[in-house]
Amino acid sequence: MDERVSFDRAPEMERYSRHVLVCTGGFCSPSRQGRALYAQLAALLQREDLLFGPTRVKRSEAPCLGVCAGGPIVAVYPEGVWYHNVSPALLERIVVEHLKHGRVVTDAVFHALREDEKTGRREDE
């Protein structure tokens, strides 16, 4: 029996509108609050009807996002908006205000990518 993986056809993935990365490592958040936030995020996305369809939001946990302070850290793409000191209450605001209604929660942002008007390329702010 041949169990080799076929590379003849690329995999398919359902479209999504945003991707949320949650740092679950211990350096930026010594008490590992990121793990609880990651679990909470799934419930909030389901509650706000953001798991399927054109508004679908993907979520991923990362052991380190390279910040190593001010955590838990949550990043939202494609906007490239990074939030710090994310609590359960702030995560709920991010889901409702940013992910559902498209309004960045500016008081919790510590980093964001911006688009160069001339080139259309994204740069760090």
Protein backbone atom coordinates (compact mmCIF):
# COMPACT_ATOMS: atom_id res chain seq x y z
CA MET A 1 0.00 0.00 0.00
CA ASP A 2 1.43 3.39 -1.01
CA GLU A 3 0.89 5.95 1.78
CA ARG A 4 2.80 8.82 0.20
CA VAL A 5 1.16 12.22 0.23
CA SER A 6 0.06 13.47 -3.15
CA PHE A 7 1.31 16.94 -4.07
CA ASP A 8 -0.60 17.02 -7.34
CA ARG A 9 -3.29 19.28 -5.95
CA ALA A 10 -2.99 22.18 -3.53
CA PRO A 11 -5.09 22.03 -0.37
CA GLU A 12 -8.21 24.14 -0.13
CA MET A 13 -9.16 26.42 2.73
CA GLU A 14 -12.38 28.25 3.48
CA ARG A 15 -12.09 32.02 3.05
CA TYR A 16 -11.71 34.16 6.15
CA SER A 17 -11.72 37.88 6.89
CA ARG A 18 -9.22 38.11 9.75
CA HIS A 19 -6.65 36.03 11.58
CA VAL A 20 -6.09 36.46 15.32
CA LEU A 21 -2.84 35.34 16.94
CA VAL A 22 -2.75 34.86 20.71
CA CYS A 23 0.58 34.58 22.52
CA THR A 24 0.35 31.63 24.90
CA GLY A 25 4.00 31.66 25.99
CA GLY A 26 5.25 32.33 29.47
CA PHE A 27 7.68 35.20 28.87
CA CYS A 28 5.25 38.04 28.10
CA SER A 29 2.66 36.68 30.52
CA PRO A 30 4.26 34.63 33.31
CA SER A 31 0.93 33.27 34.57
CA ARG A 32 0.15 31.95 31.05
CA GLN A 33 -3.10 33.91 30.78
CA GLY A 34 -2.83 33.58 26.99
CA ARG A 35 -4.05 29.99 27.12
CA ALA A 36 -7.27 31.02 28.87
CA LEU A 37 -7.74 33.88 26.38
CA TYR A 38 -7.28 31.49 23.46
CA ALA A 39 -10.04 29.26 24.84
CA GLN A 40 -12.27 32.28 25.51
CA LEU A 41 -11.70 33.54 21.97
CA ALA A 42 -13.33 30.43 20.50
CA ALA A 43 -16.47 30.97 22.58
CA LEU A 44 -16.63 34.68 21.73
CA LEU A 45 -16.22 34.06 18.00
CA GLN A 46 -19.03 31.51 18.13
CA ARG A 47 -21.27 33.84 20.15
CA GLU A 48 -20.70 36.71 17.68
CA ASP A 49 -21.27 34.42 14.65
CA LEU A 50 -17.70 34.86 13.37
CA LEU A 51 -16.76 31.22 12.82
CA PHE A 52 -18.25 30.68 9.36
CA GLY A 53 -19.12 32.57 6.21
CA PRO A 54 -17.65 35.77 4.81
CA THR A 55 -16.91 37.22 8.26
CA ARG A 56 -15.06 34.10 9.42
CA VAL A 57 -12.18 34.78 11.81
CA LYS A 58 -9.35 32.26 12.15
CA ARG A 59 -7.51 31.96 15.43
CA SER A 60 -4.06 30.58 16.19
CA GLU A 61 -2.01 30.30 19.32
CA ALA A 62 1.68 31.09 19.22
CA PRO A 63 4.23 30.14 21.87
CA CYS A 64 6.05 33.42 21.24
CA LEU A 65 5.28 36.53 19.19
CA GLY A 66 8.65 38.09 20.03
CA VAL A 67 7.39 40.86 22.33
CA CYS A 68 8.15 39.16 25.66
CA ALA A 69 6.56 41.92 27.79
CA GLY A 70 3.18 43.53 28.39
CA GLY A 71 1.24 40.36 27.78
CA PRO A 72 -0.94 38.69 27.06
CA ILE A 73 -0.44 39.88 23.48
CA VAL A 74 -3.06 39.53 20.73
CA ALA A 75 -2.42 40.43 17.07
CA VAL A 76 -5.10 40.88 14.41
CA TYR A 77 -4.37 40.54 10.69
CA PRO A 78 -4.59 41.65 7.92
CA GLU A 79 -4.64 45.01 9.70
CA GLY A 80 -1.50 44.21 11.67
CA VAL A 81 -2.90 45.61 14.91
CA TRP A 82 -1.21 44.42 18.11
CA TYR A 83 -2.90 44.64 21.51
CA HIS A 84 -1.17 44.40 24.91
CA ASN A 85 -2.24 43.53 28.45
CA VAL A 86 -5.27 41.72 27.05
CA SER A 87 -7.69 40.73 29.79
CA PRO A 88 -10.87 38.69 29.28
CA ALA A 89 -12.89 41.95 29.22
CA LEU A 90 -10.54 43.53 26.65
CA LEU A 91 -10.66 40.40 24.50
CA GLU A 92 -14.44 40.69 24.43
CA ARG A 93 -14.11 44.32 23.27
CA ILE A 94 -11.63 43.30 20.57
CA VAL A 95 -14.01 40.62 19.28
CA VAL A 96 -17.11 42.83 19.27
CA GLU A 97 -15.62 46.18 18.30
CA HIS A 98 -12.71 45.21 16.04
CA LEU A 99 -13.52 41.78 14.61
CA LYS A 100 -17.29 42.21 14.29
CA HIS A 101 -17.66 45.95 13.65
CA GLY A 102 -14.26 46.88 12.21
CA ARG A 103 -13.37 49.49 14.85
CA VAL A 104 -9.89 49.09 16.31
CA VAL A 105 -9.77 49.32 20.12
CA THR A 106 -7.19 52.11 19.97
CA ASP A 107 -6.64 52.51 23.72
CA ALA A 108 -5.08 49.02 23.89
CA VAL A 109 -2.93 49.10 20.71
CA PHE A 110 0.84 49.23 21.13
CA HIS A 111 1.85 48.49 17.51
CA ALA A 112 0.21 48.64 14.08
CA LEU A 113 1.19 48.32 10.45
CA ARG A 114 0.33 51.24 8.26
CA GLU A 115 -0.05 51.37 4.50
CA ASP A 116 2.19 53.70 2.49
CA GLU A 117 -0.18 55.78 0.34
CA LYS A 118 2.24 55.91 -2.62
CA THR A 119 3.41 52.29 -2.76
CA GLY A 120 0.51 50.49 -1.07
CA ARG A 121 3.05 48.54 1.00
CA ARG A 122 2.61 48.01 4.72
CA GLU A 123 5.21 49.33 7.14
CA ASP A 124 5.70 49.21 10.89
CA GLU A 125 4.45 52.19 12.86
